[in-house]
Amino acid sequence: MYRRWSRWLIILFALLALLFLLLARKHGEPPASIQLKQIGFTNAPNSNTRFALVSITNVDSVPIRWRGPAVEVQGNQNALAPIMNPGLPWFTAKPLDAGESITIAVGEPIEGDRWRLRVLFTRYPLKERLRDFCAKHSLRFPLGNPPVAQSTTSDWLSRTNHDR
């Protein structure tokens, strides 16, 4: 009988040690990943501004949260505010779940010949959802700093040469 208990005790100890090793391993967070793909152009009613339609797909395993878009013009070091139109698709406040995609319309900047869209975002795992809940309800959240925003850019797009 003692032998049976000792065998189960050794098996239990081995399983606990294995569990501890698996949980204690430092897993670096995988980089958040979204893909930007230009899918066409459109224009707004009563406007000469051409808008690029950009599909944004979340290829990460967790939802992502928008932190802001910007437009980069080749030759200009400053990020510019994107031109948007309320009648065309744009970002929503809701996080983009894993595997989902949205389409937005970004107006061509007036300056420069080539431009691209830069999107800032953060991963939105359970820890960050708890942080938001605590912030909305004035509760303390003791689990570290907020995530660092990451960014990705679309391919360079060429501006059309037509009168504005």
N, C-alpha and C. Protein backbone atom coordinates (compact mmCIF):
# COMPACT_ATOMS: atom_id res chain seq x y z
N MET A 1 0.82 -1.20 0.00
CA MET A 1 0.00 0.00 0.00
C MET A 1 0.86 1.26 0.00
N TYR A 2 1.95 1.23 0.79
CA TYR A 2 2.85 2.37 0.84
C TYR A 2 3.47 2.61 -0.53
N ARG A 3 3.76 1.50 -1.21
CA ARG A 3 4.38 1.59 -2.52
C ARG A 3 3.43 2.27 -3.53
N ARG A 4 2.15 1.94 -3.46
CA ARG A 4 1.16 2.55 -4.36
C ARG A 4 1.07 4.05 -4.10
N TRP A 5 1.02 4.46 -2.85
CA TRP A 5 0.95 5.89 -2.52
C TRP A 5 2.20 6.62 -2.99
N SER A 6 3.33 6.02 -2.81
CA SER A 6 4.57 6.69 -3.22
C SER A 6 4.63 6.84 -4.74
N ARG A 7 4.12 5.84 -5.46
CA ARG A 7 4.10 5.94 -6.92
C ARG A 7 3.19 7.09 -7.36
N TRP A 8 1.99 7.20 -6.77
CA TRP A 8 1.08 8.29 -7.11
C TRP A 8 1.66 9.64 -6.70
N LEU A 9 2.35 9.66 -5.58
CA LEU A 9 2.98 10.89 -5.13
C LEU A 9 4.07 11.35 -6.10
N ILE A 10 4.85 10.41 -6.62
CA ILE A 10 5.90 10.74 -7.60
C ILE A 10 5.27 11.24 -8.90
N ILE A 11 4.20 10.57 -9.36
CA ILE A 11 3.53 11.00 -10.58
C ILE A 11 2.94 12.39 -10.40
N LEU A 12 2.29 12.64 -9.26
CA LEU A 12 1.73 13.95 -8.98
C LEU A 12 2.81 15.02 -8.94
N PHE A 13 3.93 14.73 -8.28
CA PHE A 13 5.04 15.68 -8.22
C PHE A 13 5.59 15.97 -9.61
N ALA A 14 5.73 14.94 -10.44
CA ALA A 14 6.24 15.14 -11.80
C ALA A 14 5.29 16.00 -12.63
N LEU A 15 3.99 15.75 -12.50
CA LEU A 15 3.02 16.56 -13.24
C LEU A 15 3.03 18.02 -12.77
N LEU A 16 3.12 18.23 -11.48
CA LEU A 16 3.18 19.60 -10.96
C LEU A 16 4.46 20.30 -11.42
N ALA A 17 5.57 19.59 -11.44
CA ALA A 17 6.83 20.17 -11.91
C ALA A 17 6.72 20.54 -13.39
N LEU A 18 6.11 19.66 -14.18
CA LEU A 18 5.93 19.95 -15.61
C LEU A 18 5.02 21.16 -15.81
N LEU A 19 3.93 21.23 -15.07
CA LEU A 19 3.03 22.36 -15.15
C LEU A 19 3.74 23.65 -14.76
N PHE A 20 4.54 23.61 -13.70
CA PHE A 20 5.30 24.79 -13.28
C PHE A 20 6.26 25.25 -14.37
N LEU A 21 6.96 24.31 -14.99
CA LEU A 21 7.90 24.67 -16.05
C LEU A 21 7.19 25.29 -17.25
N LEU A 22 6.04 24.75 -17.60
CA LEU A 22 5.30 25.31 -18.74
C LEU A 22 4.78 26.71 -18.45
N LEU A 23 4.31 26.94 -17.24
CA LEU A 23 3.78 28.25 -16.89
C LEU A 23 4.87 29.27 -16.61
N ALA A 24 6.03 28.81 -16.16
CA ALA A 24 7.11 29.72 -15.79
C ALA A 24 7.90 30.20 -17.01
N ARG A 25 7.77 29.51 -18.13
CA ARG A 25 8.50 29.93 -19.34
C ARG A 25 8.06 31.31 -19.75
N LYS A 26 9.02 32.15 -20.08
CA LYS A 26 8.70 33.50 -20.56
C LYS A 26 8.33 33.41 -22.03
N HIS A 27 7.10 33.73 -22.30
CA HIS A 27 6.66 33.79 -23.70
C HIS A 27 6.70 35.25 -24.12
N GLY A 28 7.54 35.57 -25.09
CA GLY A 28 7.53 36.91 -25.63
C GLY A 28 6.23 37.10 -26.38
N GLU A 29 5.60 38.25 -26.21
CA GLU A 29 4.35 38.48 -26.92
C GLU A 29 4.65 38.55 -28.41
N PRO A 30 3.89 37.81 -29.21
CA PRO A 30 4.12 37.91 -30.65
C PRO A 30 3.75 39.31 -31.12
N PRO A 31 4.44 39.79 -32.12
CA PRO A 31 4.11 41.13 -32.61
C PRO A 31 2.69 41.15 -33.17
N ALA A 32 1.99 42.21 -32.84
CA ALA A 32 0.65 42.37 -33.39
C ALA A 32 0.78 42.50 -34.90
N SER A 33 -0.17 41.99 -35.59
CA SER A 33 -0.03 41.98 -37.03
C SER A 33 -1.34 42.29 -37.72
N ILE A 34 -1.33 43.34 -38.50
CA ILE A 34 -2.46 43.64 -39.37
C ILE A 34 -1.91 43.81 -40.77
N GLN A 35 -2.75 43.54 -41.73
CA GLN A 35 -2.36 43.71 -43.13
C GLN A 35 -3.20 44.82 -43.74
N LEU A 36 -2.53 45.69 -44.47
CA LEU A 36 -3.20 46.76 -45.19
C LEU A 36 -3.09 46.46 -46.68
N LYS A 37 -4.21 46.51 -47.38
CA LYS A 37 -4.20 46.21 -48.80
C LYS A 37 -5.09 47.21 -49.52
N GLN A 38 -4.54 47.88 -50.51
CA GLN A 38 -5.32 48.84 -51.28
C GLN A 38 -6.16 48.06 -52.29
N ILE A 39 -7.50 48.31 -52.24
CA ILE A 39 -8.38 47.50 -53.09
C ILE A 39 -9.07 48.31 -54.19
N GLY A 40 -8.82 49.60 -54.25
CA GLY A 40 -9.42 50.40 -55.30
C GLY A 40 -9.51 51.86 -54.91
N PHE A 41 -10.22 52.63 -55.74
CA PHE A 41 -10.42 54.05 -55.49
C PHE A 41 -11.89 54.38 -55.64
N THR A 42 -12.31 55.45 -54.99
CA THR A 42 -13.66 55.96 -55.11
C THR A 42 -13.62 57.46 -54.92
N ASN A 43 -14.74 58.09 -55.05
CA ASN A 43 -14.82 59.52 -54.75
C ASN A 43 -16.10 59.78 -53.96
N ALA A 44 -16.10 60.88 -53.25
CA ALA A 44 -17.29 61.26 -52.49
C ALA A 44 -18.20 62.08 -53.40
N PRO A 45 -19.50 62.06 -53.15
CA PRO A 45 -20.40 62.88 -53.95
C PRO A 45 -20.04 64.37 -53.86
N ASN A 46 -20.13 65.06 -54.98
CA ASN A 46 -19.85 66.50 -55.06
C ASN A 46 -18.44 66.85 -54.59
N SER A 47 -17.48 66.02 -54.91
CA SER A 47 -16.10 66.27 -54.50
C SER A 47 -15.15 65.78 -55.58
N ASN A 48 -14.05 66.50 -55.75
CA ASN A 48 -13.01 66.08 -56.68
C ASN A 48 -11.94 65.23 -56.00
N THR A 49 -12.04 65.07 -54.70
CA THR A 49 -11.03 64.31 -53.97
C THR A 49 -11.19 62.83 -54.25
N ARG A 50 -10.09 62.20 -54.59
CA ARG A 50 -10.09 60.76 -54.82
C ARG A 50 -9.73 60.07 -53.51
N PHE A 51 -10.46 59.01 -53.18
CA PHE A 51 -10.24 58.27 -51.94
C PHE A 51 -9.75 56.86 -52.27
N ALA A 52 -8.70 56.44 -51.59
CA ALA A 52 -8.22 55.07 -51.72
C ALA A 52 -9.01 54.19 -50.76
N LEU A 53 -9.50 53.07 -51.24
CA LEU A 53 -10.17 52.10 -50.39
C LEU A 53 -9.11 51.12 -49.90
N VAL A 54 -8.95 51.03 -48.58
CA VAL A 54 -7.93 50.19 -47.99
C VAL A 54 -8.60 49.15 -47.10
N SER A 55 -8.28 47.89 -47.34
CA SER A 55 -8.77 46.80 -46.50
C SER A 55 -7.75 46.55 -45.40
N ILE A 56 -8.24 46.51 -44.15
CA ILE A 56 -7.37 46.26 -43.00
C ILE A 56 -7.82 44.95 -42.37
N THR A 57 -6.91 43.98 -42.32
CA THR A 57 -7.22 42.65 -41.79
C THR A 57 -6.38 42.37 -40.57
N ASN A 58 -7.01 41.89 -39.51
CA ASN A 58 -6.31 41.50 -38.30
C ASN A 58 -5.88 40.04 -38.45
N VAL A 59 -4.59 39.80 -38.61
CA VAL A 59 -4.07 38.44 -38.73
C VAL A 59 -3.44 37.97 -37.42
N ASP A 60 -3.63 38.74 -36.34
CA ASP A 60 -3.15 38.36 -35.02
C ASP A 60 -4.14 37.39 -34.39
N SER A 61 -3.75 36.78 -33.29
CA SER A 61 -4.63 35.82 -32.62
C SER A 61 -5.54 36.47 -31.58
N VAL A 62 -5.36 37.76 -31.34
CA VAL A 62 -6.20 38.48 -30.38
C VAL A 62 -6.76 39.73 -31.06
N PRO A 63 -7.82 40.33 -30.51
CA PRO A 63 -8.34 41.56 -31.10
C PRO A 63 -7.30 42.68 -31.04
N ILE A 64 -7.47 43.65 -31.92
CA ILE A 64 -6.61 44.84 -31.89
C ILE A 64 -7.48 46.07 -31.70
N ARG A 65 -6.87 47.11 -31.22
CA ARG A 65 -7.57 48.36 -30.96
C ARG A 65 -6.87 49.49 -31.71
N TRP A 66 -7.65 50.35 -32.32
CA TRP A 66 -7.10 51.46 -33.11
C TRP A 66 -6.53 52.52 -32.20
N ARG A 67 -5.37 53.06 -32.57
CA ARG A 67 -4.76 54.17 -31.85
C ARG A 67 -4.60 55.39 -32.74
N GLY A 68 -4.87 55.24 -34.02
CA GLY A 68 -4.87 56.41 -34.89
C GLY A 68 -4.23 56.16 -36.24
N PRO A 69 -4.82 56.71 -37.28
CA PRO A 69 -4.22 56.64 -38.61
C PRO A 69 -3.46 57.93 -38.94
N ALA A 70 -2.55 57.83 -39.86
CA ALA A 70 -1.83 59.01 -40.37
C ALA A 70 -1.48 58.74 -41.83
N VAL A 71 -1.20 59.81 -42.54
CA VAL A 71 -0.77 59.70 -43.93
C VAL A 71 0.68 60.17 -44.01
N GLU A 72 1.51 59.39 -44.67
CA GLU A 72 2.89 59.77 -44.92
C GLU A 72 3.02 60.14 -46.39
N VAL A 73 3.63 61.28 -46.65
CA VAL A 73 3.88 61.72 -48.02
C VAL A 73 5.37 61.58 -48.26
N GLN A 74 5.73 60.96 -49.37
CA GLN A 74 7.15 60.75 -49.68
C GLN A 74 7.87 62.09 -49.77
N GLY A 75 8.96 62.22 -49.03
CA GLY A 75 9.73 63.46 -49.00
C GLY A 75 9.34 64.38 -47.86
N ASN A 76 8.29 64.07 -47.12
CA ASN A 76 7.86 64.88 -45.98
C ASN A 76 8.02 64.02 -44.72
N GLN A 77 8.78 64.49 -43.75
CA GLN A 77 9.03 63.71 -42.54
C GLN A 77 7.87 63.74 -41.55
N ASN A 78 6.94 64.66 -41.74
CA ASN A 78 5.83 64.80 -40.81
C ASN A 78 4.66 63.91 -41.21
N ALA A 79 4.06 63.28 -40.22
CA ALA A 79 2.84 62.51 -40.47
C ALA A 79 1.68 63.49 -40.59
N LEU A 80 0.82 63.27 -41.56
CA LEU A 80 -0.30 64.17 -41.80
C LEU A 80 -1.61 63.52 -41.36
N ALA A 81 -2.56 64.35 -40.99
CA ALA A 81 -3.89 63.84 -40.67
C ALA A 81 -4.53 63.35 -41.96
N PRO A 82 -5.16 62.19 -41.92
CA PRO A 82 -5.78 61.69 -43.15
C PRO A 82 -7.05 62.46 -43.49
N ILE A 83 -7.33 62.55 -44.78
CA ILE A 83 -8.57 63.16 -45.25
C ILE A 83 -9.64 62.08 -45.20
N MET A 84 -10.74 62.38 -44.55
CA MET A 84 -11.85 61.42 -44.49
C MET A 84 -13.14 62.12 -44.84
N ASN A 85 -14.14 61.33 -45.15
CA ASN A 85 -15.46 61.85 -45.50
C ASN A 85 -16.49 61.02 -44.74
N PRO A 86 -17.41 61.66 -44.01
CA PRO A 86 -18.38 60.89 -43.22
C PRO A 86 -19.30 60.01 -44.06
N GLY A 87 -19.37 60.26 -45.35
CA GLY A 87 -20.20 59.43 -46.22
C GLY A 87 -19.50 58.18 -46.72
N LEU A 88 -18.23 58.03 -46.38
CA LEU A 88 -17.45 56.87 -46.83
C LEU A 88 -17.00 56.07 -45.60
N PRO A 89 -16.64 54.81 -45.79
CA PRO A 89 -16.28 53.97 -44.63
C PRO A 89 -15.04 54.48 -43.91
N TRP A 90 -15.04 54.30 -42.57
CA TRP A 90 -13.94 54.77 -41.72
C TRP A 90 -13.83 53.84 -40.53
N PHE A 91 -12.87 54.10 -39.66
CA PHE A 91 -12.66 53.27 -38.46
C PHE A 91 -13.87 53.35 -37.54
N THR A 92 -14.12 52.26 -36.82
CA THR A 92 -15.13 52.26 -35.77
C THR A 92 -14.41 52.20 -34.42
N ALA A 93 -15.10 52.52 -33.35
CA ALA A 93 -14.50 52.49 -32.02
C ALA A 93 -14.32 51.07 -31.52
N LYS A 94 -15.04 50.15 -32.11
CA LYS A 94 -15.00 48.75 -31.67
C LYS A 94 -13.67 48.10 -32.08
N PRO A 95 -13.07 47.28 -31.18
CA PRO A 95 -11.84 46.56 -31.56
C PRO A 95 -12.10 45.61 -32.73
N LEU A 96 -11.07 45.37 -33.49
CA LEU A 96 -11.15 44.46 -34.63
C LEU A 96 -10.73 43.07 -34.15
N ASP A 97 -11.66 42.13 -34.16
CA ASP A 97 -11.39 40.78 -33.66
C ASP A 97 -10.42 40.04 -34.57
N ALA A 98 -9.83 38.99 -34.04
CA ALA A 98 -8.89 38.17 -34.80
C ALA A 98 -9.57 37.63 -36.05
N GLY A 99 -8.92 37.79 -37.19
CA GLY A 99 -9.45 37.30 -38.45
C GLY A 99 -10.42 38.22 -39.15
N GLU A 100 -10.90 39.27 -38.49
CA GLU A 100 -11.84 40.19 -39.12
C GLU A 100 -11.12 41.23 -39.96
N SER A 101 -11.87 41.87 -40.84
CA SER A 101 -11.30 42.96 -41.64
C SER A 101 -12.34 44.05 -41.79
N ILE A 102 -11.85 45.26 -42.05
CA ILE A 102 -12.72 46.39 -42.36
C ILE A 102 -12.13 47.09 -43.58
N THR A 103 -12.94 47.89 -44.21
CA THR A 103 -12.49 48.70 -45.34
C THR A 103 -12.70 50.16 -44.96
N ILE A 104 -11.67 50.97 -45.21
CA ILE A 104 -11.78 52.40 -44.96
C ILE A 104 -11.44 53.16 -46.23
N ALA A 105 -11.88 54.41 -46.31
CA ALA A 105 -11.59 55.27 -47.45
C ALA A 105 -10.72 56.43 -46.96
N VAL A 106 -9.54 56.58 -47.55
CA VAL A 106 -8.59 57.62 -47.17
C VAL A 106 -8.38 58.54 -48.36
N GLY A 107 -8.61 59.84 -48.13
CA GLY A 107 -8.45 60.81 -49.22
C GLY A 107 -6.99 61.04 -49.58
N GLU A 108 -6.77 61.25 -50.87
CA GLU A 108 -5.41 61.55 -51.33
C GLU A 108 -4.96 62.89 -50.76
N PRO A 109 -3.73 62.96 -50.26
CA PRO A 109 -3.24 64.26 -49.77
C PRO A 109 -3.01 65.21 -50.95
N ILE A 110 -3.08 66.49 -50.67
CA ILE A 110 -2.93 67.50 -51.72
C ILE A 110 -1.49 67.63 -52.18
N GLU A 111 -0.56 67.42 -51.27
CA GLU A 111 0.86 67.57 -51.61
C GLU A 111 1.50 66.24 -51.96
N GLY A 112 2.62 66.30 -52.67
CA GLY A 112 3.40 65.11 -52.98
C GLY A 112 2.79 64.24 -54.05
N ASP A 113 3.64 63.37 -54.63
CA ASP A 113 3.18 62.47 -55.68
C ASP A 113 2.90 61.07 -55.15
N ARG A 114 3.64 60.66 -54.12
CA ARG A 114 3.44 59.32 -53.56
C ARG A 114 3.12 59.43 -52.08
N TRP A 115 2.21 58.58 -51.62
CA TRP A 115 1.79 58.63 -50.22
C TRP A 115 1.38 57.22 -49.77
N ARG A 116 1.28 57.05 -48.46
CA ARG A 116 0.82 55.78 -47.90
C ARG A 116 0.13 56.01 -46.56
N LEU A 117 -0.66 55.04 -46.16
CA LEU A 117 -1.40 55.10 -44.90
C LEU A 117 -0.59 54.39 -43.82
N ARG A 118 -0.49 55.01 -42.66
CA ARG A 118 0.13 54.39 -41.48
C ARG A 118 -0.96 54.25 -40.43
N VAL A 119 -1.08 53.04 -39.84
CA VAL A 119 -2.10 52.76 -38.83
C VAL A 119 -1.42 52.37 -37.53
N LEU A 120 -1.73 53.09 -36.45
CA LEU A 120 -1.26 52.75 -35.11
C LEU A 120 -2.32 51.91 -34.42
N PHE A 121 -1.90 50.87 -33.71
CA PHE A 121 -2.83 49.98 -33.03
C PHE A 121 -2.12 49.30 -31.86
N THR A 122 -2.91 48.72 -30.97
CA THR A 122 -2.37 47.90 -29.89
C THR A 122 -3.14 46.59 -29.85
N ARG A 123 -2.48 45.57 -29.30
CA ARG A 123 -3.17 44.30 -29.07
C ARG A 123 -4.20 44.53 -27.98
N TYR A 124 -5.29 43.79 -28.00
CA TYR A 124 -6.37 43.98 -27.04
C TYR A 124 -6.78 42.64 -26.41
N PRO A 125 -5.83 42.00 -25.68
CA PRO A 125 -6.17 40.73 -25.03
C PRO A 125 -7.00 40.95 -23.77
N LEU A 126 -7.30 39.89 -23.08
CA LEU A 126 -8.13 39.94 -21.88
C LEU A 126 -7.59 40.92 -20.85
N LYS A 127 -6.27 40.95 -20.67
CA LYS A 127 -5.67 41.86 -19.70
C LYS A 127 -6.04 43.31 -20.00
N GLU A 128 -6.02 43.70 -21.26
CA GLU A 128 -6.34 45.08 -21.63
C GLU A 128 -7.84 45.36 -21.49
N ARG A 129 -8.67 44.36 -21.74
CA ARG A 129 -10.10 44.54 -21.53
C ARG A 129 -10.41 44.74 -20.05
N LEU A 130 -9.68 44.02 -19.18
CA LEU A 130 -9.84 44.22 -17.74
C LEU A 130 -9.37 45.61 -17.33
N ARG A 131 -8.26 46.07 -17.95
CA ARG A 131 -7.75 47.42 -17.67
C ARG A 131 -8.80 48.46 -18.04
N ASP A 132 -9.45 48.31 -19.19
CA ASP A 132 -10.49 49.25 -19.61
C ASP A 132 -11.68 49.23 -18.65
N PHE A 133 -12.09 48.03 -18.24
CA PHE A 133 -13.19 47.91 -17.30
C PHE A 133 -12.87 48.64 -15.99
N CYS A 134 -11.66 48.44 -15.49
CA CYS A 134 -11.26 49.11 -14.24
C CYS A 134 -11.22 50.63 -14.42
N ALA A 135 -10.74 51.09 -15.56
CA ALA A 135 -10.68 52.54 -15.79
C ALA A 135 -12.08 53.14 -15.88
N LYS A 136 -13.01 52.46 -16.52
CA LYS A 136 -14.38 52.97 -16.66
C LYS A 136 -15.12 53.01 -15.33
N HIS A 137 -14.71 52.14 -14.39
CA HIS A 137 -15.40 52.04 -13.11
C HIS A 137 -14.56 52.56 -11.94
N SER A 138 -13.52 53.34 -12.25
CA SER A 138 -12.65 53.95 -11.25
C SER A 138 -12.08 52.93 -10.26
N LEU A 139 -11.62 51.81 -10.79
CA LEU A 139 -11.00 50.77 -9.97
C LEU A 139 -9.51 50.73 -10.25
N ARG A 140 -8.74 50.29 -9.28
CA ARG A 140 -7.29 50.14 -9.49
C ARG A 140 -7.03 48.93 -10.36
N PHE A 141 -5.99 49.04 -11.18
CA PHE A 141 -5.58 47.91 -12.02
C PHE A 141 -4.09 47.70 -11.79
N PRO A 142 -3.72 46.68 -11.03
CA PRO A 142 -2.32 46.51 -10.64
C PRO A 142 -1.45 45.72 -11.60
N LEU A 143 -1.90 45.39 -12.79
CA LEU A 143 -1.15 44.47 -13.65
C LEU A 143 -0.32 45.17 -14.72
N GLY A 144 0.63 45.98 -14.35
CA GLY A 144 1.61 46.51 -15.29
C GLY A 144 1.14 47.69 -16.13
N ASN A 145 1.99 48.03 -17.07
CA ASN A 145 1.78 49.20 -17.93
C ASN A 145 0.90 48.85 -19.12
N PRO A 146 0.25 49.87 -19.70
CA PRO A 146 -0.53 49.62 -20.92
C PRO A 146 0.40 49.21 -22.06
N PRO A 147 -0.14 48.55 -23.07
CA PRO A 147 0.70 48.09 -24.18
C PRO A 147 1.23 49.26 -25.01
N VAL A 148 2.35 49.01 -25.65
CA VAL A 148 2.96 50.01 -26.52
C VAL A 148 2.28 49.92 -27.89
N ALA A 149 1.96 51.07 -28.44
CA ALA A 149 1.32 51.10 -29.76
C ALA A 149 2.31 50.64 -30.83
N GLN A 150 1.80 49.89 -31.78
CA GLN A 150 2.59 49.44 -32.91
C GLN A 150 1.98 50.03 -34.18
N SER A 151 2.74 50.00 -35.25
CA SER A 151 2.20 50.56 -36.49
C SER A 151 2.57 49.70 -37.68
N THR A 152 1.81 49.87 -38.73
CA THR A 152 2.10 49.24 -40.00
C THR A 152 1.68 50.20 -41.10
N THR A 153 2.24 50.04 -42.27
CA THR A 153 1.95 50.96 -43.37
C THR A 153 1.47 50.20 -44.60
N SER A 154 0.73 50.91 -45.42
CA SER A 154 0.29 50.35 -46.70
C SER A 154 1.43 50.50 -47.71
N ASP A 155 1.23 49.97 -48.88
CA ASP A 155 2.17 50.20 -49.98
C ASP A 155 2.06 51.66 -50.40
N TRP A 156 3.10 52.15 -51.07
CA TRP A 156 3.06 53.52 -51.58
C TRP A 156 2.01 53.62 -52.69
N LEU A 157 1.22 54.69 -52.65
CA LEU A 157 0.22 54.94 -53.68
C LEU A 157 0.60 56.20 -54.43
N SER A 158 0.28 56.25 -55.70
CA SER A 158 0.58 57.44 -56.50
C SER A 158 -0.66 58.30 -56.61
N ARG A 159 -0.46 59.61 -56.44
CA ARG A 159 -1.55 60.56 -56.55
C ARG A 159 -1.81 60.85 -58.02
N THR A 160 -3.08 60.99 -58.36
CA THR A 160 -3.43 61.31 -59.74
C THR A 160 -3.18 62.80 -59.97
N ASN A 161 -2.91 63.15 -61.18
CA ASN A 161 -2.70 64.56 -61.54
C ASN A 161 -3.95 65.10 -62.22
N HIS A 162 -4.90 65.54 -61.41
CA HIS A 162 -6.07 66.21 -61.98
C HIS A 162 -6.33 67.47 -61.18
N ASP A 163 -7.03 68.38 -61.78
CA ASP A 163 -7.28 69.68 -61.12
C ASP A 163 -8.08 69.49 -59.85
N ARG A 164 -7.75 70.28 -58.86
CA ARG A 164 -8.46 70.19 -57.58
C ARG A 164 -9.25 71.44 -57.35
